[in-house]
Protein backbone atom coordinates (compact mmCIF):
# COMPACT_ATOMS: atom_id res chain seq x y z
CA MET A 1 124.51 75.77 144.32
CA SER A 2 127.77 76.44 142.53
CA MET A 3 127.78 79.61 140.43
CA THR A 4 129.24 78.29 137.17
CA PRO A 5 128.22 79.46 133.70
CA GLU A 6 126.40 76.15 133.20
CA ALA A 7 124.51 76.47 136.50
CA VAL A 8 123.58 80.09 135.74
CA ARG A 9 122.30 79.06 132.31
CA GLU A 10 120.23 76.27 133.87
CA THR A 11 118.77 78.64 136.48
CA ILE A 12 117.64 80.97 133.71
CA ARG A 13 116.30 78.03 131.67
CA GLU A 14 114.17 76.88 134.58
CA ASN A 15 112.85 80.29 135.62
CA VAL A 16 112.71 82.86 132.82
CA TYR A 17 110.09 82.55 130.10
CA ASP A 18 109.13 84.77 127.21
CA PRO A 19 105.78 86.06 128.51
CA GLU A 20 104.20 86.14 125.05
CA ILE A 21 104.95 82.57 124.01
CA GLY A 22 105.63 80.73 127.25
CA ILE A 23 108.96 79.14 126.29
CA ASN A 24 112.09 79.73 128.34
CA VAL A 25 114.56 82.25 126.98
CA VAL A 26 117.44 79.74 126.87
CA ASP A 27 115.60 77.29 124.61
CA LEU A 28 114.46 80.22 122.48
CA GLY A 29 118.13 81.00 121.88
CA LEU A 30 118.00 84.44 123.48
CA LEU A 31 120.87 83.85 125.93
CA TYR A 32 124.12 84.22 124.00
CA ASP A 33 126.84 84.21 126.64
CA VAL A 34 127.29 83.61 130.38
CA GLU A 35 130.42 84.50 132.31
CA VAL A 36 131.21 84.33 136.00
CA PRO A 37 134.34 86.51 136.16
CA GLU A 38 134.48 86.60 139.94
CA GLU A 39 132.53 85.50 142.99
CA LYS A 40 129.06 87.07 143.16
CA LYS A 41 129.31 88.57 139.65
CA ILE A 42 127.49 87.32 136.56
CA LYS A 43 127.88 88.79 133.07
CA LEU A 44 125.25 87.93 130.46
CA GLU A 45 124.76 88.71 126.80
CA MET A 46 121.20 88.32 125.61
CA THR A 47 119.10 89.31 122.67
CA LEU A 48 115.41 89.43 121.85
CA THR A 49 113.46 88.17 118.89
CA SER A 50 113.43 91.76 117.60
CA PRO A 51 115.13 94.99 118.71
CA GLY A 52 111.71 96.62 119.16
CA CYS A 53 110.41 93.95 121.53
CA PRO A 54 108.57 95.76 124.35
CA LEU A 55 109.28 93.00 126.88
CA TYR A 56 113.00 93.55 127.42
CA ASP A 57 112.44 95.15 130.85
CA VAL A 58 110.18 92.27 131.96
CA ILE A 59 112.69 89.64 130.86
CA HIS A 60 115.57 91.62 132.40
CA ALA A 61 113.73 91.81 135.74
CA GLU A 62 112.95 88.07 135.67
CA VAL A 63 116.58 87.18 134.93
CA ASP A 64 117.79 89.39 137.77
CA HIS A 65 115.15 88.08 140.19
CA SER A 66 115.77 84.39 139.42
CA LEU A 67 119.55 84.68 139.77
CA LYS A 68 119.34 86.63 143.05
CA LYS A 69 116.84 84.11 144.40
CA VAL A 70 119.30 81.25 143.77
CA TYR A 71 122.67 82.96 144.37
CA GLY A 72 121.76 85.66 146.91
CA GLN A 73 120.60 89.24 146.83
CA ASP A 74 124.19 90.46 146.79
CA VAL A 75 124.99 88.90 143.41
CA GLN A 76 125.72 91.48 140.72
CA VAL A 77 123.99 90.71 137.42
CA ASP A 78 125.35 92.62 134.42
CA LEU A 79 123.00 91.96 131.50
CA GLU A 80 123.96 93.42 128.14
CA TRP A 81 121.42 93.39 125.31
CA VAL A 82 123.13 92.65 121.99
CA TRP A 83 121.78 92.60 118.46
CA ASP A 84 124.65 90.98 116.60
CA PRO A 85 124.13 88.34 115.55
CA PRO A 86 120.43 89.00 115.18
CA TRP A 87 118.15 86.33 116.59
CA SER A 88 116.64 83.81 114.17
CA PRO A 89 114.51 80.68 114.68
CA GLU A 90 117.55 78.51 113.91
CA GLN A 91 118.92 79.48 117.34
CA MET A 92 116.12 77.69 119.18
CA SER A 93 116.71 74.36 120.88
CA GLU A 94 115.29 71.24 119.26
CA ASP A 95 112.53 71.17 121.92
CA ALA A 96 111.51 74.76 121.14
CA LYS A 97 111.56 74.07 117.40
CA MET A 98 109.28 71.07 117.91
CA GLU A 99 106.91 73.15 120.06
CA PHE A 100 106.63 75.71 117.26
CA GLY A 101 106.55 73.11 114.50
CA TYR A 102 109.69 74.66 113.01
CA PHE A 103 111.85 72.24 111.02
């Protein structure tokens, strides 16, 4: 599989879920940016629903695991947690909003 930002985003969408609510982190709007600056290197900016969320290490491990499973154990995943802009329900995909009944 080609390691493009779109393919990386789709890999995360298919494999990484918020363990508390069971919706993938991409549709929740937690993945802000994906870059592939060079071969075997992925840079991500993500956030959480709140800065005090205790699940950041679980989500981080799942992101790393899913990307290495698809792109190889030698891929370098640089995940930066960011808080600006803060997450809000408006960032969710239409599917996630429908699942939550948020309109």
